[in-house]
Amino acid sequence: MNTAQIVVVALVAGGGLWVLHKVGRWLTQLLEALAAIAVVFVTLWLIVKGVWWAGRQVVKHWRTSVSTAVAAAWCYLLGWPSLAITAAVIGLGLVGWWQLGRDSFEPWAGRHLRAWWLRWVLYARKMPGWLRACGLTVADRDPGVHVQVNPFRRSAVQPKVKPGAGRTPRVVGVRSGGSWDEVRVQLVPGQTPEDFDLAARSLAVARGVARCQVRELGPNLVSIDFQRHDRLASVVPCHYLGNLTWVRGEHVDFRRVWSGRSEYGTDWFQAIEGSHTLVAGSTGAGKNSFTWAPIISMAPAIRDGLVRVSGIDPKGMELAYGRRVFHRYASTSKDALALLDDLIDGMTARKEQFSTHKRVVPISHEHPLELVEFDEIGALVRYVGDRKTREAIVERVALLTTQGRALGYSVRGYVQEPTKDTVPVRELFPRRICLRVASKSHVSMVLGEHAYDRGAWANRIGEHEPGIGYLFGEGIREPLRVRSAWVPDHVIKDLEHFVHSPASPPLANPAQGGPFAAPVPALQPIGGQA
C-alpha cells in the first residue's frame, strides 16, 4: 500500500470517526431529552396517582377526613389546649348521656361510635385473618412445574408466583347495634355468597360468639352478622287481656298479629290471614306458645265474631284446656274429618258467592276468618285411624291450604317429626317455623335446603329455651330467630271468659287499625335486619 492509499484510508477513517462522534453526541442529547421527558411524565403520573388515591381515601373515609381537617384547623386557629378541653367536655357529656338516657343515646350516638371503634380496632385488623383461617380466600392459580431440556440434562423448575392483589375479601363497612354487629364484606372474583354460608359456624367461633348469620346484600357484597348478646334469653310475656277489653275486633290487623320478639329486639308480627303455617319441634320445645300467643292477640276479634277458631287435638289435652275458645273442636280422627268437611263446605260456599266479584274475601261478621289449629298433625295423617280416614284428612288439609288463602281460611299445623312421610302436605305451608329439633336434617326438612348453612341452627337450641325457633318463608330471605310469647294456664282460662263476655263500649278515640303494642316496649332495631 503506497502513501496515497494510506492517506485516503486515514481520511476515510477520520471522517467515519467524526460522523460517529456527531451521531453519538446527537444520540446522547436525544436520550437525555427522552430521559428528562420520562422523568417528568413519570413524576406527573405518580403525582396524579397519589392525588387520586388520596382523594379516594378522603371520600371513602369522609368521617375521618372531616374530623382530621376540623381538628387541624382548630389547632391552627385556636390552639390545641382548647381542642383538648372541648373534646373532654364532649366525652363527659356523652358519658352522662349514656348513663342517664340510654334509650336515646343508643340509636343516636352509641351505635355509630361503637361501629367506628369496632371497625378500626377489631374487624379491619382481624377479619382478614379470620377469613384466611376459615378458607374464605381465593388462592392463586398453580402454574405447575416447567421442565427445561438441554443437550446435557433436564431440570424441573417451578416458577415463583407473587401473591395476587385483592385475593382476600375486604371489609367495606361496619354497623353495630345493641346485640348485633353487621360487617359488610366485598367478595373477590371466584367467590360466591354460598361460600360464606358454609363457613358461618367457623366465623362464629373465630369471633367468639354463639351465633353468626350471612346475608347477601348484592352480587359481590355480603353482610356477616355477629350476635354479641342474646335478646331472647328471657321469657316474653303475652298480652294482658285487661288491656284488650276496650279494643274492638275491627281494629285488629290479621296480617300483623303480635306474637313475640325477634332476635333483633323488635316485636315479632306474623300474618294469620292469607297464610298457612307449619310449626315443627320436639316435645317441650314450646309449640303450645306458638298456638296461644296469636290467639291472645286476636281475642277482641274472636269475641266480636270476626275470627272463628277451630281446634283439632288428637291428644285431647293441649287445646282442650281452652275448649270454650274454639268454635269447632275435634279430638278423634272421625270428628276431625267431619270438622274439615264442614270447613270445606263453607269454603265452597264462599267460592261460589265471591268468585266473580272479589279476588280476596273481605273479613266480616258474615264471613269471619276461619283459623284452624291442627295440633300434632302427624298423628291423624300418619299414625291414628284407618288408612282411608287418614287419606281423606290429608285430602281435606290439602284443599284448605291450596284454596283457602284468598277465601279467609288459615291452617296452622304442629308436628314433632317433620318428615315427608309424616306430613305429606308439608310443602303446602308457605310459612314454616322450626323449634328445637333432635337432628340437623330436620332443619332442612322444615325450612328448606341449606337453611342450616344460612344460620338456622335449630338443633342447637337448648332444652331450657322453650318457645324459641327459626322462621322462614314468605319474603324472608334469611332465617329469623324468634321467641313466642309465653301464655300461662290461667291466661287461657281468662281468655275463655274474655271471648264469651259482651264487648265493652269503645273508647272515644280508639286506635284505628294496626296491631297492638307489645306488653313490654321493644328495643330499637339496630344492626342486622329488622
Protein backbone atom coordinates (compact mmCIF):
# COMPACT_ATOMS: atom_id res chain seq x y z
CA MET A 1 0.00 0.00 0.00
CA ASN A 2 1.54 3.33 -1.12
CA THR A 3 1.45 6.66 0.64
CA ALA A 4 -1.59 7.93 -1.28
CA GLN A 5 -3.66 4.95 -0.30
CA ILE A 6 -2.63 5.31 3.33
CA VAL A 7 -3.67 8.95 3.30
CA VAL A 8 -7.04 8.11 1.73
CA VAL A 9 -7.68 5.39 4.32
CA ALA A 10 -6.73 7.75 7.13
CA LEU A 11 -9.05 10.44 5.78
CA VAL A 12 -11.90 7.97 5.41
CA ALA A 13 -11.31 6.60 8.91
CA GLY A 14 -11.12 10.10 10.35
CA GLY A 15 -14.30 11.09 8.57
CA GLY A 16 -16.03 8.00 9.84
CA LEU A 17 -14.90 8.72 13.38
CA TRP A 18 -16.11 12.30 13.08
CA VAL A 19 -19.51 11.14 11.83
CA LEU A 20 -19.76 8.59 14.62
CA HIS A 21 -18.84 11.29 17.12
CA LYS A 22 -21.55 13.59 15.84
CA VAL A 23 -24.09 10.76 15.79
CA GLY A 24 -23.10 9.77 19.32
CA ARG A 25 -23.47 13.32 20.58
CA TRP A 26 -26.84 13.59 18.85
CA LEU A 27 -28.00 10.28 20.34
CA THR A 28 -26.75 11.36 23.76
CA GLN A 29 -28.73 14.58 23.56
CA LEU A 30 -31.79 12.66 22.32
CA LEU A 31 -31.56 10.12 25.15
CA GLU A 32 -31.05 12.86 27.71
CA ALA A 33 -34.11 14.64 26.39
CA LEU A 34 -36.15 11.41 26.42
CA ALA A 35 -34.95 10.66 29.94
CA ALA A 36 -35.95 14.13 31.10
CA ILE A 37 -39.33 13.76 29.45
CA ALA A 38 -39.74 10.29 31.00
CA VAL A 39 -38.84 11.61 34.44
CA VAL A 40 -41.32 14.44 34.07
CA PHE A 41 -44.12 12.16 32.88
CA VAL A 42 -43.39 9.50 35.49
CA THR A 43 -43.35 12.14 38.18
CA LEU A 44 -46.62 13.59 36.92
CA TRP A 45 -48.13 10.11 36.72
CA LEU A 46 -47.07 9.32 40.29
CA ILE A 47 -48.41 12.68 41.47
CA VAL A 48 -51.74 12.13 39.72
CA LYS A 49 -51.94 8.58 41.05
CA GLY A 50 -51.10 9.75 44.57
CA VAL A 51 -53.67 12.53 44.40
CA TRP A 52 -56.28 10.10 43.05
CA TRP A 53 -55.53 7.58 45.81
CA ALA A 54 -55.59 10.29 48.48
CA GLY A 55 -58.85 11.65 47.09
CA ARG A 56 -60.41 8.19 47.13
CA GLN A 57 -59.33 7.66 50.71
CA VAL A 58 -60.67 11.05 51.73
CA VAL A 59 -64.04 10.34 50.08
CA LYS A 60 -64.16 6.75 51.24
CA HIS A 61 -63.36 7.64 54.86
CA TRP A 62 -65.02 11.02 54.84
CA ARG A 63 -65.82 10.99 58.54
CA THR A 64 -62.18 10.53 59.47
CA SER A 65 -61.12 13.08 56.85
CA VAL A 66 -63.55 15.74 58.05
CA SER A 67 -62.63 15.10 61.69
CA THR A 68 -58.92 15.38 60.91
CA ALA A 69 -59.42 18.60 58.91
CA VAL A 70 -61.55 20.15 61.66
CA ALA A 71 -59.01 19.18 64.34
CA ALA A 72 -56.11 20.59 62.30
CA ALA A 73 -57.96 23.85 61.60
CA TRP A 74 -58.96 24.13 65.26
CA CYS A 75 -55.37 23.65 66.43
CA TYR A 76 -54.12 26.19 63.91
CA LEU A 77 -56.71 28.85 64.73
CA LEU A 78 -57.44 28.33 68.43
CA GLY A 79 -54.62 26.13 69.69
CA TRP A 80 -54.56 22.57 70.92
CA PRO A 81 -55.47 23.27 74.59
CA SER A 82 -58.93 24.49 73.59
CA LEU A 83 -59.37 21.40 71.41
CA ALA A 84 -58.40 19.10 74.28
CA ILE A 85 -60.79 20.86 76.67
CA THR A 86 -63.64 20.72 74.16
CA ALA A 87 -63.01 17.01 73.48
CA ALA A 88 -63.01 16.30 77.22
CA VAL A 89 -66.29 18.16 77.70
CA ILE A 90 -67.90 16.30 74.77
CA GLY A 91 -66.63 12.98 76.15
CA LEU A 92 -68.04 13.70 79.60
CA GLY A 93 -71.31 14.77 78.00
CA LEU A 94 -71.56 11.51 76.06
CA VAL A 95 -70.83 9.50 79.21
CA GLY A 96 -73.51 11.40 81.09
CA TRP A 97 -75.97 10.91 78.23
CA TRP A 98 -75.17 7.20 78.19
CA GLN A 99 -75.77 6.91 81.93
CA LEU A 100 -78.95 8.99 82.11
CA GLY A 101 -80.66 8.32 78.79
CA ARG A 102 -79.53 5.04 77.27
CA ASP A 103 -82.72 4.60 75.24
CA SER A 104 -82.00 7.77 73.28
CA PHE A 105 -78.19 7.50 73.39
CA GLU A 106 -78.06 4.11 71.67
CA PRO A 107 -79.85 4.95 68.38
CA TRP A 108 -78.46 8.49 68.07
CA ALA A 109 -74.83 8.13 69.15
CA GLY A 110 -73.95 4.80 70.74
CA ARG A 111 -74.28 2.58 67.70
CA HIS A 112 -72.28 4.97 65.48
CA LEU A 113 -69.42 5.31 67.98
CA ARG A 114 -69.32 1.57 68.62
CA ALA A 115 -69.36 0.78 64.88
CA TRP A 116 -66.44 3.17 64.26
CA TRP A 117 -64.46 1.71 67.16
CA LEU A 118 -65.13 -1.92 66.24
CA ARG A 119 -64.24 -1.37 62.58
CA TRP A 120 -60.78 0.04 63.17
CA VAL A 121 -59.87 -1.78 66.37
CA LEU A 122 -61.34 -5.24 65.68
CA TYR A 123 -62.75 -6.07 62.28
CA ALA A 124 -60.36 -4.20 59.97
CA ARG A 125 -57.39 -5.80 61.75
CA LYS A 126 -58.65 -9.30 62.46
CA MET A 127 -61.26 -10.05 59.79
CA PRO A 128 -58.66 -10.81 57.04
CA GLY A 129 -57.04 -13.37 59.32
CA TRP A 130 -60.38 -14.91 60.21
CA LEU A 131 -61.29 -15.19 56.54
CA ARG A 132 -57.98 -16.87 55.70
CA ALA A 133 -58.34 -19.29 58.62
CA CYS A 134 -61.89 -20.18 57.51
CA GLY A 135 -60.80 -20.77 53.90
CA LEU A 136 -62.58 -17.72 52.51
CA THR A 137 -59.76 -16.54 50.26
CA VAL A 138 -59.05 -17.25 46.60
CA ALA A 139 -55.71 -18.98 46.08
CA ASP A 140 -53.52 -18.04 43.11
CA ARG A 141 -53.58 -20.49 40.27
CA ASP A 142 -50.81 -23.10 40.47
CA PRO A 143 -48.60 -22.61 37.37
CA GLY A 144 -47.37 -26.17 37.59
CA VAL A 145 -43.81 -27.41 37.03
CA HIS A 146 -41.84 -26.46 33.92
CA VAL A 147 -39.25 -28.91 32.58
CA GLN A 148 -36.17 -27.38 30.94
CA VAL A 149 -34.34 -29.62 28.46
CA ASN A 150 -30.80 -29.03 27.09
CA PRO A 151 -28.22 -31.37 25.45
CA PHE A 152 -26.70 -32.15 28.82
CA ARG A 153 -29.62 -32.58 31.28
CA ARG A 154 -33.27 -32.00 32.07
CA SER A 155 -34.33 -29.95 35.11
CA ALA A 156 -37.70 -29.22 36.70
CA VAL A 157 -38.38 -25.60 37.57
CA GLN A 158 -41.42 -24.30 39.49
CA PRO A 159 -41.95 -20.60 38.75
CA LYS A 160 -42.47 -18.33 41.72
CA VAL A 161 -45.90 -16.75 41.89
CA LYS A 162 -46.38 -13.43 43.57
CA PRO A 163 -49.49 -13.18 45.75
CA GLY A 164 -52.31 -11.62 43.76
CA ALA A 165 -53.80 -8.37 44.95
CA GLY A 166 -57.39 -8.45 46.23
CA ARG A 167 -57.39 -12.18 46.91
CA THR A 168 -58.77 -11.64 50.43
CA PRO A 169 -62.28 -10.15 50.79
CA ARG A 170 -62.21 -6.58 52.05
CA VAL A 171 -64.23 -5.06 54.90
CA VAL A 172 -66.15 -2.10 53.44
CA GLY A 173 -68.38 -1.13 56.35
CA VAL A 174 -69.46 -1.96 59.89
CA ARG A 175 -72.76 -1.29 61.63
CA SER A 176 -73.32 -2.12 65.27
CA GLY A 177 -76.42 -2.42 67.40
CA GLY A 178 -77.24 -3.34 70.93
CA SER A 179 -76.83 -7.05 70.24
CA TRP A 180 -75.55 -7.50 66.66
CA ASP A 181 -72.58 -6.39 64.58
CA GLU A 182 -73.08 -6.18 60.82
CA VAL A 183 -69.79 -6.45 58.91
CA ARG A 184 -70.13 -5.79 55.17
CA VAL A 185 -67.52 -7.64 53.15
CA GLN A 186 -66.78 -7.29 49.43
CA LEU A 187 -66.17 -10.61 47.68
CA VAL A 188 -63.30 -11.22 45.28
CA PRO A 189 -63.61 -12.92 41.87
CA GLY A 190 -64.02 -16.65 42.31
CA GLN A 191 -66.21 -16.45 45.44
CA THR A 192 -69.94 -16.80 45.98
CA PRO A 193 -72.14 -15.88 48.95
CA GLU A 194 -72.77 -19.60 49.47
CA ASP A 195 -69.08 -20.00 50.38
CA PHE A 196 -69.68 -17.73 53.36
CA ASP A 197 -72.86 -19.60 54.31
CA LEU A 198 -70.87 -22.80 54.74
CA ALA A 199 -68.32 -21.04 56.95
CA ALA A 200 -70.84 -19.35 59.28
CA ARG A 201 -70.07 -21.67 62.20
CA SER A 202 -66.33 -21.20 61.75
CA LEU A 203 -66.72 -17.42 61.66
CA ALA A 204 -68.77 -17.52 64.85
CA VAL A 205 -66.02 -19.48 66.58
CA ALA A 206 -63.37 -17.08 65.26
CA ARG A 207 -65.30 -14.08 66.62
CA GLY A 208 -66.10 -15.88 69.87
CA VAL A 209 -69.89 -15.54 69.62
CA ALA A 210 -72.71 -18.07 69.75
CA ARG A 211 -74.42 -17.06 66.52
CA CYS A 212 -73.36 -15.80 63.11
CA GLN A 213 -75.51 -15.23 60.05
CA VAL A 214 -74.56 -14.36 56.48
CA ARG A 215 -76.84 -12.14 54.39
CA GLU A 216 -76.46 -11.46 50.68
CA LEU A 217 -76.65 -7.71 50.00
CA GLY A 218 -75.53 -7.66 46.37
CA PRO A 219 -73.80 -9.66 43.63
CA ASN A 220 -70.39 -9.23 45.30
CA LEU A 221 -71.36 -7.97 48.75
CA VAL A 222 -72.37 -9.94 51.85
CA SER A 223 -73.03 -8.99 55.43
CA ILE A 224 -71.55 -11.16 58.16
CA ASP A 225 -73.70 -10.58 61.24
CA PHE A 226 -72.29 -11.49 64.67
CA GLN A 227 -74.62 -11.75 67.66
CA ARG A 228 -72.91 -10.34 70.75
CA HIS A 229 -75.88 -10.59 73.14
CA ASP A 230 -78.96 -12.84 73.12
CA ARG A 231 -82.11 -10.71 73.19
CA LEU A 232 -84.25 -13.85 73.57
CA ALA A 233 -82.68 -15.14 76.77
CA SER A 234 -85.62 -14.07 78.94
CA VAL A 235 -89.26 -15.13 78.69
CA VAL A 236 -91.52 -12.87 76.60
CA PRO A 237 -94.85 -12.11 78.36
CA CYS A 238 -98.07 -12.30 76.42
CA HIS A 239 -100.71 -9.58 76.11
CA TYR A 240 -102.58 -8.66 79.25
CA LEU A 241 -106.22 -9.30 78.46
CA GLY A 242 -107.31 -6.42 80.65
CA ASN A 243 -105.70 -4.02 78.17
CA LEU A 244 -107.72 -5.53 75.33
CA THR A 245 -111.12 -5.12 76.96
CA TRP A 246 -111.80 -1.79 75.27
CA VAL A 247 -110.39 -2.83 71.89
CA ARG A 248 -112.86 -3.61 69.13
CA GLY A 249 -112.32 -6.55 66.80
CA GLU A 250 -112.29 -4.30 63.73
CA HIS A 251 -109.07 -2.74 64.96
CA VAL A 252 -107.12 -6.00 64.81
CA ASP A 253 -104.83 -6.34 61.80
CA PHE A 254 -104.90 -10.03 60.90
CA ARG A 255 -101.85 -9.64 58.68
CA ARG A 256 -99.75 -8.28 61.55
CA VAL A 257 -100.62 -10.17 64.70
CA TRP A 258 -98.20 -9.62 67.56
CA SER A 259 -96.72 -12.96 68.63
CA GLY A 260 -93.46 -12.31 70.49
CA ARG A 261 -89.96 -10.96 69.96
CA SER A 262 -87.31 -11.31 67.27
CA GLU A 263 -83.60 -11.80 67.85
CA TYR A 264 -83.02 -8.12 67.00
CA GLY A 265 -85.06 -6.94 69.98
CA THR A 266 -88.05 -5.92 67.87
CA ASP A 267 -91.65 -7.05 68.08
CA TRP A 268 -92.44 -10.10 66.01
CA PHE A 269 -95.65 -9.95 63.98
CA GLN A 270 -96.97 -12.76 61.85
CA ALA A 271 -99.67 -12.94 59.23
CA ILE A 272 -102.66 -15.08 60.18
CA GLU A 273 -104.93 -14.03 57.34
CA GLY A 274 -103.69 -15.10 53.91
CA SER A 275 -101.09 -17.54 55.17
CA HIS A 276 -100.65 -21.11 56.38
CA THR A 277 -98.02 -22.00 58.96
CA LEU A 278 -96.30 -25.25 59.89
CA VAL A 279 -94.55 -25.39 63.27
CA ALA A 280 -92.18 -28.28 63.96
CA GLY A 281 -90.40 -29.04 67.21
CA SER A 282 -89.56 -31.75 69.70
CA THR A 283 -91.53 -32.42 72.86
CA GLY A 284 -91.13 -29.49 75.22
CA ALA A 285 -89.87 -27.12 72.51
CA GLY A 286 -92.73 -24.68 73.13
CA LYS A 287 -95.19 -25.34 70.30
CA ASN A 288 -98.04 -24.54 72.67
CA SER A 289 -96.91 -20.91 72.98
CA PHE A 290 -96.99 -20.54 69.19
CA THR A 291 -100.61 -21.69 69.31
CA TRP A 292 -101.93 -19.43 72.05
CA ALA A 293 -99.87 -16.21 71.69
CA PRO A 294 -101.54 -15.02 68.43
CA ILE A 295 -104.95 -16.16 69.69
CA ILE A 296 -104.48 -13.93 72.76
CA SER A 297 -103.60 -11.01 70.47
CA MET A 298 -106.73 -11.63 68.38
CA ALA A 299 -109.02 -12.07 71.41
CA PRO A 300 -111.15 -8.97 70.66
CA ALA A 301 -111.78 -10.20 67.11
CA ILE A 302 -112.74 -13.67 68.38
CA ARG A 303 -115.09 -12.08 70.93
CA ASP A 304 -116.72 -9.90 68.25
CA GLY A 305 -117.19 -12.77 65.79
CA LEU A 306 -114.60 -11.70 63.21
CA VAL A 307 -112.47 -14.80 63.86
CA ARG A 308 -113.66 -18.34 64.41
CA VAL A 309 -111.06 -20.76 65.73
CA SER A 310 -111.35 -24.48 65.07
CA GLY A 311 -109.20 -26.90 67.05
CA ILE A 312 -108.11 -30.41 66.12
CA ASP A 313 -106.44 -32.00 69.13
CA PRO A 314 -105.60 -35.72 68.75
CA LYS A 315 -104.10 -35.85 72.26
CA GLY A 316 -107.18 -34.23 73.75
CA MET A 317 -105.04 -32.19 76.17
CA GLU A 318 -103.33 -29.15 74.68
CA LEU A 319 -106.31 -27.42 73.08
CA ALA A 320 -108.91 -29.00 75.36
CA TYR A 321 -107.69 -26.78 78.19
CA GLY A 322 -109.20 -23.81 76.33
CA ARG A 323 -112.11 -25.69 74.80
CA ARG A 324 -114.57 -22.77 75.04
CA VAL A 325 -112.35 -20.62 72.81
CA PHE A 326 -112.94 -22.89 69.80
CA HIS A 327 -115.97 -22.66 67.57
CA ARG A 328 -115.32 -26.24 66.42
CA TYR A 329 -113.33 -28.89 68.25
CA ALA A 330 -112.32 -32.47 67.42
CA SER A 331 -110.08 -35.00 69.12
CA THR A 332 -110.72 -38.20 67.14
CA SER A 333 -109.98 -38.92 63.50
CA LYS A 334 -113.67 -39.19 62.59
CA ASP A 335 -114.54 -35.95 64.35
CA ALA A 336 -111.56 -34.26 62.68
CA LEU A 337 -112.75 -35.41 59.27
CA ALA A 338 -116.24 -34.07 59.97
CA LEU A 339 -114.77 -30.76 61.13
CA LEU A 340 -112.68 -30.46 57.97
CA ASP A 341 -115.69 -31.33 55.80
CA ASP A 342 -117.67 -28.55 57.48
CA LEU A 343 -114.84 -26.09 56.76
CA ILE A 344 -114.61 -27.16 53.13
CA ASP A 345 -118.37 -26.78 52.68
CA GLY A 346 -118.13 -23.23 53.98
CA MET A 347 -115.13 -22.54 51.76
CA THR A 348 -117.01 -23.84 48.74
CA ALA A 349 -119.98 -21.61 49.54
CA ARG A 350 -117.71 -18.55 49.76
CA LYS A 351 -116.10 -19.50 46.48
CA GLU A 352 -119.43 -19.64 44.72
CA GLN A 353 -120.53 -16.34 46.26
CA PHE A 354 -117.39 -14.27 45.54
CA SER A 355 -115.80 -15.99 42.53
CA THR A 356 -116.88 -13.34 40.01
CA HIS A 357 -116.84 -10.31 42.35
CA LYS A 358 -113.76 -10.45 44.59
CA ARG A 359 -110.23 -11.82 44.36
CA VAL A 360 -109.96 -11.90 48.17
CA VAL A 361 -112.91 -12.39 50.50
CA PRO A 362 -113.12 -9.45 52.96
CA ILE A 363 -113.27 -10.48 56.60
CA SER A 364 -116.59 -9.53 58.18
CA HIS A 365 -119.12 -10.77 60.72
CA GLU A 366 -120.88 -12.67 57.91
CA HIS A 367 -117.63 -14.11 56.61
CA PRO A 368 -115.20 -14.36 59.55
CA LEU A 369 -111.62 -15.51 59.36
CA GLU A 370 -111.62 -19.29 59.82
CA LEU A 371 -108.49 -20.27 61.74
CA VAL A 372 -107.70 -23.98 62.06
CA GLU A 373 -105.30 -25.01 64.83
CA PHE A 374 -104.18 -28.56 63.99
CA ASP A 375 -102.15 -29.88 66.91
CA GLU A 376 -99.95 -32.93 66.23
CA ILE A 377 -100.95 -33.02 62.59
CA GLY A 378 -98.77 -36.08 62.03
CA ALA A 379 -100.92 -38.16 64.38
CA LEU A 380 -104.02 -38.00 62.17
CA VAL A 381 -102.34 -38.04 58.78
CA ARG A 382 -99.90 -40.84 59.57
CA TYR A 383 -100.50 -42.81 62.78
CA VAL A 384 -104.11 -42.65 64.06
CA GLY A 385 -107.18 -44.05 62.35
CA ASP A 386 -107.61 -46.31 59.34
CA ARG A 387 -105.88 -45.68 56.04
CA LYS A 388 -108.94 -44.32 54.24
CA THR A 389 -109.64 -41.83 57.02
CA ARG A 390 -106.03 -40.66 57.03
CA GLU A 391 -106.06 -40.21 53.26
CA ALA A 392 -109.32 -38.27 53.49
CA ILE A 393 -107.85 -35.98 56.17
CA VAL A 394 -104.77 -35.37 54.03
CA GLU A 395 -107.01 -34.53 51.06
CA ARG A 396 -109.05 -32.04 53.11
CA VAL A 397 -105.95 -30.34 54.54
CA ALA A 398 -104.52 -30.07 51.02
CA LEU A 399 -107.72 -28.42 49.79
CA LEU A 400 -107.69 -25.91 52.65
CA THR A 401 -104.04 -24.98 52.20
CA THR A 402 -104.24 -24.65 48.40
CA GLN A 403 -107.61 -22.89 48.09
CA GLY A 404 -108.36 -21.28 51.43
CA ARG A 405 -105.85 -18.44 51.43
CA ALA A 406 -107.97 -15.97 49.44
CA LEU A 407 -111.23 -17.22 50.95
CA GLY A 408 -110.39 -16.35 54.56
CA TYR A 409 -109.23 -19.77 55.73
CA SER A 410 -105.93 -20.24 57.53
CA VAL A 411 -104.38 -23.52 58.70
CA ARG A 412 -101.71 -23.74 61.39
CA GLY A 413 -100.26 -27.21 61.86
CA TYR A 414 -97.92 -28.55 64.55
CA VAL A 415 -95.74 -31.63 64.29
CA GLN A 416 -92.88 -33.33 66.12
CA GLU A 417 -91.41 -35.39 63.28
CA PRO A 418 -91.31 -33.21 60.12
CA THR A 419 -90.54 -35.95 57.59
CA LYS A 420 -92.40 -36.15 54.31
CA ASP A 421 -93.92 -39.47 55.31
CA THR A 422 -95.33 -37.95 58.49
CA VAL A 423 -96.57 -34.72 56.89
CA PRO A 424 -97.16 -35.33 53.17
CA VAL A 425 -98.62 -31.80 52.77
CA ARG A 426 -95.54 -30.14 54.27
CA GLU A 427 -94.72 -28.15 51.13
CA LEU A 428 -98.21 -26.61 51.04
CA PHE A 429 -97.43 -24.46 54.09
CA PRO A 430 -95.72 -21.28 52.77
CA ARG A 431 -94.54 -20.19 56.22
CA ARG A 432 -92.65 -22.61 58.41
CA ILE A 433 -91.18 -22.36 61.90
CA CYS A 434 -88.61 -24.79 63.27
CA LEU A 435 -88.25 -25.03 67.05
CA ARG A 436 -85.78 -27.25 68.86
CA VAL A 437 -85.30 -30.47 66.88
CA ALA A 438 -83.15 -33.51 67.51
CA SER A 439 -81.41 -33.73 64.15
CA LYS A 440 -79.69 -31.31 61.81
CA SER A 441 -81.53 -32.92 58.90
CA HIS A 442 -84.89 -31.91 60.41
CA VAL A 443 -83.94 -28.26 59.93
CA SER A 444 -83.74 -28.75 56.18
CA MET A 445 -86.98 -30.74 56.19
CA VAL A 446 -88.84 -27.85 57.80
CA LEU A 447 -87.12 -24.72 56.49
CA GLY A 448 -85.74 -25.98 53.20
CA GLU A 449 -82.39 -26.88 51.73
CA HIS A 450 -79.32 -25.02 53.05
CA ALA A 451 -81.35 -23.40 55.86
CA TYR A 452 -78.87 -24.70 58.43
CA ASP A 453 -75.95 -23.27 56.45
CA ARG A 454 -77.68 -19.89 56.41
CA GLY A 455 -77.91 -19.72 60.19
CA ALA A 456 -80.98 -21.75 61.24
CA TRP A 457 -79.28 -23.81 63.96
CA ALA A 458 -82.49 -25.21 65.45
CA ASN A 459 -80.82 -28.44 66.58
CA ARG A 460 -78.60 -26.33 68.88
CA ILE A 461 -81.49 -24.73 70.78
CA GLY A 462 -81.26 -25.75 74.42
CA GLU A 463 -83.95 -27.57 76.36
CA HIS A 464 -84.14 -24.57 78.72
CA GLU A 465 -85.20 -22.30 75.82
CA PRO A 466 -88.85 -23.19 75.08
CA GLY A 467 -90.64 -21.03 72.56
CA ILE A 468 -87.51 -20.19 70.54
CA GLY A 469 -87.46 -21.11 66.88
CA TYR A 470 -86.38 -20.09 63.40
CA LEU A 471 -88.83 -18.60 60.93
CA PHE A 472 -88.50 -18.86 57.17
CA GLY A 473 -90.75 -18.22 54.19
CA GLU A 474 -92.95 -15.57 52.55
CA GLY A 475 -90.41 -12.89 51.75
CA ILE A 476 -87.88 -13.71 54.48
CA ARG A 477 -84.52 -14.21 52.74
CA GLU A 478 -82.60 -15.41 55.80
CA PRO A 479 -83.88 -17.46 58.75
CA LEU A 480 -85.15 -15.23 61.55
CA ARG A 481 -84.80 -16.34 65.16
CA VAL A 482 -87.89 -15.55 67.24
CA ARG A 483 -89.35 -16.32 70.65
CA SER A 484 -93.06 -16.66 71.04
CA ALA A 485 -94.84 -15.04 73.96
CA TRP A 486 -95.49 -17.38 76.88
CA VAL A 487 -99.16 -17.90 77.77
CA PRO A 488 -99.72 -19.27 81.33
CA ASP A 489 -102.58 -21.63 82.06
CA HIS A 490 -104.61 -19.07 83.98
CA VAL A 491 -104.47 -16.69 80.98
CA ILE A 492 -106.06 -19.39 78.81
CA LYS A 493 -108.90 -19.66 81.32
CA ASP A 494 -109.20 -15.88 81.34
CA LEU A 495 -109.33 -15.99 77.54
CA GLU A 496 -112.32 -18.34 77.66
CA HIS A 497 -114.17 -15.86 79.81
CA PHE A 498 -113.00 -12.93 77.64
CA VAL A 499 -114.28 -14.26 74.31
CA HIS A 500 -117.71 -15.04 75.78
CA SER A 501 -118.12 -11.70 77.55
CA PRO A 502 -120.00 -8.84 75.89
CA ALA A 503 -117.86 -6.22 74.20
CA SER A 504 -117.19 -3.10 76.25
CA PRO A 505 -118.09 0.32 74.83
CA PRO A 506 -115.38 1.63 72.54
CA LEU A 507 -113.04 4.37 73.61
CA ALA A 508 -113.69 7.94 72.48
CA ASN A 509 -110.64 7.90 70.19
CA PRO A 510 -109.74 4.29 69.51
CA ALA A 511 -106.55 3.47 67.68
CA GLN A 512 -107.56 2.95 64.09
CA GLY A 513 -106.12 -0.18 62.56
CA GLY A 514 -102.69 -1.61 63.19
CA PRO A 515 -101.53 -4.20 65.70
CA PHE A 516 -101.44 -3.71 69.45
CA ALA A 517 -98.34 -2.60 71.26
CA ALA A 518 -96.24 -5.25 72.93
CA PRO A 519 -96.71 -5.65 76.69
CA VAL A 520 -93.05 -4.68 77.18
CA PRO A 521 -91.60 -1.94 74.93
CA ALA A 522 -89.30 -3.41 72.31
CA LEU A 523 -85.78 -2.09 71.87
CA GLN A 524 -84.73 -0.20 68.78
CA PRO A 525 -83.78 -2.40 65.78
CA ILE A 526 -80.11 -1.62 65.38
CA GLY A 527 -77.60 -3.70 63.45
CA GLY A 528 -78.52 -6.62 61.21
CA GLN A 529 -82.00 -6.85 59.76
CA ALA A 530 -85.12 -5.66 61.46
